[in-house]
Structures are given as structure tokens and as C-alpha cells.
């Protein structure tokens, strides 16, 4: 019995499907079943890019991620530039 994987992707042309994530299988023949999905229109879903970024930011804060301060970022940039030498 062969394994079955469910992945999502975009039908680029009549013969090309671009998957959203890699398939970790050896090369070889496979059987592909195409099932259409409703368009993911963010405007229709009421989620703008800004709203999505805000949700990512909020999730990071919820998990305890600490964003670097402006001074910390500037220090990292300065140290990186100094490491380049002349």
C-alpha cells in the first residue's frame, strides 16, 4: 500500500503544478488528483496585508518573543559594518 499526501499548490499551466511546500519523496512517477479550491482573495476574506502582519506580530508577542529595540538593531548594524573591514 502506498502512502498518500495532501498538499496545496497552484496550477500554473495545463501541465505544471507549483506546490506550497516540498515533497520529501524520491523522484519517480506519482498519481496526482486535482481538486479545485475557492480563490483565496484576502479582500473577500476581510484580511488585508496590514491585518495579516498585525496577526503575526500579535502571535509572536503571545509566545513571548521579544522584539529588539531600536538601539539594539542599530548596534547590530554598526557591528556588522565594522566587521567588513576596509
N, C-alpha and C. Protein backbone atom coordinates (compact mmCIF):
# COMPACT_ATOMS: atom_id res chain seq x y z
N UNK A 1 0.84 -1.18 0.00
CA UNK A 1 0.00 0.00 0.00
C UNK A 1 0.89 1.24 0.00
N UNK A 2 0.59 2.20 -0.87
CA UNK A 2 1.41 3.40 -0.96
C UNK A 2 0.89 4.49 -0.05
N UNK A 3 1.79 5.38 0.34
CA UNK A 3 1.41 6.49 1.21
C UNK A 3 0.69 7.57 0.41
N UNK A 4 -0.18 8.29 1.07
CA UNK A 4 -0.92 9.38 0.44
C UNK A 4 -0.59 10.68 1.16
N UNK A 5 -0.33 11.73 0.40
CA UNK A 5 -0.01 13.04 0.95
C UNK A 5 -1.01 14.05 0.40
N UNK A 6 -1.45 14.95 1.24
CA UNK A 6 -2.32 16.03 0.79
C UNK A 6 -1.54 17.34 0.89
N UNK A 7 -1.34 17.97 -0.24
CA UNK A 7 -0.62 19.23 -0.32
C UNK A 7 -1.45 20.22 -1.10
N UNK A 8 -1.13 21.49 -0.96
CA UNK A 8 -1.80 22.52 -1.71
C UNK A 8 -0.81 23.18 -2.67
N UNK A 9 -1.32 23.76 -3.70
CA UNK A 9 -0.46 24.44 -4.65
C UNK A 9 -1.28 25.23 -5.64
N UNK A 10 -0.61 25.67 -6.68
CA UNK A 10 -1.24 26.48 -7.72
C UNK A 10 -1.02 25.81 -9.07
N UNK A 11 -2.07 25.68 -9.83
CA UNK A 11 -1.98 25.14 -11.18
C UNK A 11 -1.46 26.27 -12.07
N UNK A 12 -0.19 26.17 -12.46
CA UNK A 12 0.46 27.22 -13.24
C UNK A 12 0.10 27.15 -14.72
N UNK A 13 -0.05 25.96 -15.22
CA UNK A 13 -0.41 25.76 -16.63
C UNK A 13 -1.10 24.41 -16.74
N UNK A 14 -1.39 24.00 -17.95
CA UNK A 14 -2.06 22.72 -18.15
C UNK A 14 -1.22 21.54 -17.65
N UNK A 15 0.09 21.72 -17.51
CA UNK A 15 0.97 20.61 -17.13
C UNK A 15 1.85 20.89 -15.92
N UNK A 16 1.68 22.03 -15.28
CA UNK A 16 2.59 22.40 -14.20
C UNK A 16 1.82 22.81 -12.95
N UNK A 17 2.13 22.14 -11.83
CA UNK A 17 1.56 22.47 -10.53
C UNK A 17 2.71 22.92 -9.62
N UNK A 18 2.59 24.11 -9.04
CA UNK A 18 3.60 24.60 -8.10
C UNK A 18 3.06 24.36 -6.70
N UNK A 19 3.74 23.49 -5.93
CA UNK A 19 3.30 23.14 -4.58
C UNK A 19 3.73 24.19 -3.57
N UNK A 20 2.94 24.35 -2.52
CA UNK A 20 3.24 25.32 -1.48
C UNK A 20 4.40 24.88 -0.59
N UNK A 21 4.70 23.60 -0.58
CA UNK A 21 5.78 23.08 0.25
C UNK A 21 6.43 21.91 -0.46
N UNK A 22 7.67 21.60 -0.11
CA UNK A 22 8.36 20.50 -0.79
C UNK A 22 7.77 19.14 -0.42
N UNK A 23 7.94 18.20 -1.32
CA UNK A 23 7.54 16.81 -1.08
C UNK A 23 8.83 16.03 -0.84
N UNK A 24 8.97 15.46 0.32
CA UNK A 24 10.20 14.75 0.66
C UNK A 24 10.07 13.27 0.29
N UNK A 25 10.07 13.02 -1.01
CA UNK A 25 9.98 11.67 -1.55
C UNK A 25 11.02 11.52 -2.64
N UNK A 26 11.45 10.30 -2.92
CA UNK A 26 12.38 10.11 -4.03
C UNK A 26 11.68 10.40 -5.35
N UNK A 27 12.47 10.77 -6.35
CA UNK A 27 11.90 11.02 -7.67
C UNK A 27 11.28 9.76 -8.23
N UNK A 28 10.25 9.94 -8.99
CA UNK A 28 9.57 8.81 -9.60
C UNK A 28 8.15 9.19 -9.98
N UNK A 29 7.47 8.28 -10.57
CA UNK A 29 6.11 8.53 -11.01
C UNK A 29 5.17 8.61 -9.81
N UNK A 30 4.19 9.49 -9.90
CA UNK A 30 3.18 9.65 -8.86
C UNK A 30 1.82 9.81 -9.52
N UNK A 31 0.80 9.60 -8.75
CA UNK A 31 -0.56 9.87 -9.21
C UNK A 31 -1.01 11.17 -8.55
N UNK A 32 -1.54 12.07 -9.34
CA UNK A 32 -1.95 13.37 -8.84
C UNK A 32 -3.45 13.53 -9.05
N UNK A 33 -4.14 13.93 -8.02
CA UNK A 33 -5.57 14.22 -8.13
C UNK A 33 -5.75 15.72 -7.93
N UNK A 34 -6.38 16.37 -8.88
CA UNK A 34 -6.57 17.82 -8.82
C UNK A 34 -7.98 18.11 -8.30
N UNK A 35 -8.05 18.92 -7.28
CA UNK A 35 -9.32 19.35 -6.70
C UNK A 35 -9.29 20.87 -6.63
N UNK A 36 -10.21 21.53 -7.29
CA UNK A 36 -10.21 22.99 -7.27
C UNK A 36 -10.61 23.50 -5.89
N UNK A 37 -10.11 24.67 -5.56
CA UNK A 37 -10.40 25.30 -4.28
C UNK A 37 -10.91 26.70 -4.54
N UNK A 38 -11.70 27.23 -3.64
CA UNK A 38 -12.15 28.61 -3.82
C UNK A 38 -10.97 29.57 -3.80
N UNK A 39 -11.07 30.63 -4.56
CA UNK A 39 -9.99 31.61 -4.60
C UNK A 39 -9.79 32.19 -3.21
N UNK A 40 -8.53 32.36 -2.85
CA UNK A 40 -8.21 32.95 -1.55
C UNK A 40 -7.99 34.44 -1.75
N UNK A 41 -9.06 35.16 -1.85
CA UNK A 41 -9.00 36.59 -2.05
C UNK A 41 -9.04 37.26 -0.69
N UNK A 42 -7.91 37.84 -0.27
CA UNK A 42 -7.84 38.44 1.06
C UNK A 42 -8.85 39.56 1.24
N UNK A 43 -9.13 40.31 0.18
CA UNK A 43 -10.12 41.37 0.30
C UNK A 43 -11.49 40.78 0.60
N UNK A 44 -11.81 39.63 -0.03
CA UNK A 44 -13.08 38.99 0.23
C UNK A 44 -13.12 38.43 1.65
N UNK A 45 -11.99 37.96 2.13
CA UNK A 45 -11.93 37.42 3.49
C UNK A 45 -11.82 38.51 4.54
N UNK A 46 -11.71 39.75 4.10
CA UNK A 46 -11.62 40.87 5.03
C UNK A 46 -10.27 40.99 5.70
N UNK A 47 -9.24 40.36 5.15
CA UNK A 47 -7.93 40.41 5.77
C UNK A 47 -6.95 41.08 4.82
N UNK A 48 -6.52 42.25 5.17
CA UNK A 48 -5.55 42.97 4.37
C UNK A 48 -4.14 42.54 4.77
N UNK A 49 -3.17 42.96 4.00
CA UNK A 49 -1.78 42.65 4.33
C UNK A 49 -1.44 43.20 5.72
N UNK A 50 -1.88 44.41 6.00
CA UNK A 50 -1.60 45.01 7.30
C UNK A 50 -2.21 44.19 8.44
N UNK A 51 -3.44 43.71 8.23
CA UNK A 51 -4.10 42.90 9.26
C UNK A 51 -3.35 41.59 9.46
N UNK A 52 -2.86 41.00 8.37
CA UNK A 52 -2.10 39.75 8.48
C UNK A 52 -0.80 40.00 9.26
N UNK A 53 -0.09 41.08 8.91
CA UNK A 53 1.15 41.40 9.62
C UNK A 53 0.88 41.64 11.11
N UNK A 54 -0.22 42.31 11.41
CA UNK A 54 -0.58 42.55 12.80
C UNK A 54 -0.83 41.22 13.53
N UNK A 55 -1.49 40.27 12.85
CA UNK A 55 -1.76 38.97 13.48
C UNK A 55 -0.46 38.21 13.75
N UNK A 56 0.50 38.31 12.83
CA UNK A 56 1.81 37.67 13.03
C UNK A 56 2.51 38.32 14.22
N UNK A 57 2.50 39.62 14.27
CA UNK A 57 3.12 40.37 15.37
C UNK A 57 2.49 39.98 16.71
N UNK A 58 1.17 39.93 16.75
CA UNK A 58 0.46 39.57 17.98
C UNK A 58 0.78 38.15 18.42
N UNK A 59 0.88 37.23 17.46
CA UNK A 59 1.21 35.84 17.80
C UNK A 59 2.62 35.74 18.37
N UNK A 60 3.57 36.47 17.78
CA UNK A 60 4.93 36.46 18.32
C UNK A 60 4.96 37.00 19.75
N UNK A 61 4.25 38.07 19.99
CA UNK A 61 4.19 38.63 21.34
C UNK A 61 3.56 37.63 22.31
N UNK A 62 2.50 36.96 21.86
CA UNK A 62 1.81 35.99 22.72
C UNK A 62 2.74 34.86 23.13
N UNK A 63 3.65 34.46 22.25
CA UNK A 63 4.56 33.35 22.55
C UNK A 63 5.79 33.80 23.33
N UNK A 64 5.87 35.11 23.65
CA UNK A 64 6.98 35.59 24.46
C UNK A 64 8.15 36.13 23.69
N UNK A 65 8.05 36.20 22.36
CA UNK A 65 9.14 36.76 21.57
C UNK A 65 9.36 38.21 21.96
N UNK A 66 10.62 38.58 22.14
CA UNK A 66 10.95 39.97 22.48
C UNK A 66 11.58 40.62 21.26
N UNK A 67 10.92 41.65 20.77
CA UNK A 67 11.45 42.37 19.61
C UNK A 67 12.63 43.23 20.04
N UNK A 68 13.68 43.30 19.19
CA UNK A 68 14.83 44.11 19.56
C UNK A 68 14.47 45.60 19.56
N UNK A 69 15.12 46.34 20.44
CA UNK A 69 14.90 47.78 20.50
C UNK A 69 15.62 48.45 19.33
N UNK A 70 15.30 49.71 19.10
CA UNK A 70 15.97 50.46 18.04
C UNK A 70 17.48 50.51 18.29
N UNK A 71 17.86 50.72 19.55
CA UNK A 71 19.29 50.77 19.89
C UNK A 71 19.97 49.43 19.62
N UNK A 72 19.30 48.33 19.94
CA UNK A 72 19.89 47.00 19.69
C UNK A 72 20.08 46.76 18.20
N UNK A 73 19.11 47.17 17.41
CA UNK A 73 19.21 46.99 15.95
C UNK A 73 20.35 47.85 15.40
N UNK A 74 20.43 49.09 15.84
CA UNK A 74 21.50 49.97 15.39
C UNK A 74 22.87 49.44 15.77
N UNK A 75 22.98 48.87 16.97
CA UNK A 75 24.24 48.27 17.41
C UNK A 75 24.62 47.09 16.52
N UNK A 76 23.65 46.23 16.20
CA UNK A 76 23.93 45.09 15.31
C UNK A 76 24.39 45.56 13.94
N UNK A 77 23.74 46.58 13.41
CA UNK A 77 24.12 47.11 12.09
C UNK A 77 25.53 47.67 12.14
N UNK A 78 25.84 48.46 13.18
CA UNK A 78 27.17 49.05 13.30
C UNK A 78 28.23 47.96 13.42
N UNK A 79 27.98 46.93 14.27
CA UNK A 79 28.96 45.85 14.43
C UNK A 79 29.15 45.09 13.12
N UNK A 80 28.09 44.87 12.38
CA UNK A 80 28.21 44.16 11.10
C UNK A 80 29.04 44.98 10.12
N UNK A 81 28.76 46.27 10.02
CA UNK A 81 29.52 47.12 9.10
C UNK A 81 30.99 47.20 9.48
N UNK A 82 31.27 47.26 10.77
CA UNK A 82 32.67 47.32 11.22
C UNK A 82 33.40 46.01 10.91
N UNK A 83 32.68 44.89 10.85
CA UNK A 83 33.33 43.61 10.57
C UNK A 83 33.73 43.48 9.10
N UNK A 84 33.21 44.35 8.24
CA UNK A 84 33.54 44.27 6.81
C UNK A 84 34.97 44.67 6.53
N UNK A 85 35.54 45.50 7.37
CA UNK A 85 36.89 45.97 7.13
C UNK A 85 36.91 46.99 6.01
N UNK A 86 38.10 47.31 5.58
CA UNK A 86 38.25 48.32 4.51
C UNK A 86 38.60 47.66 3.21
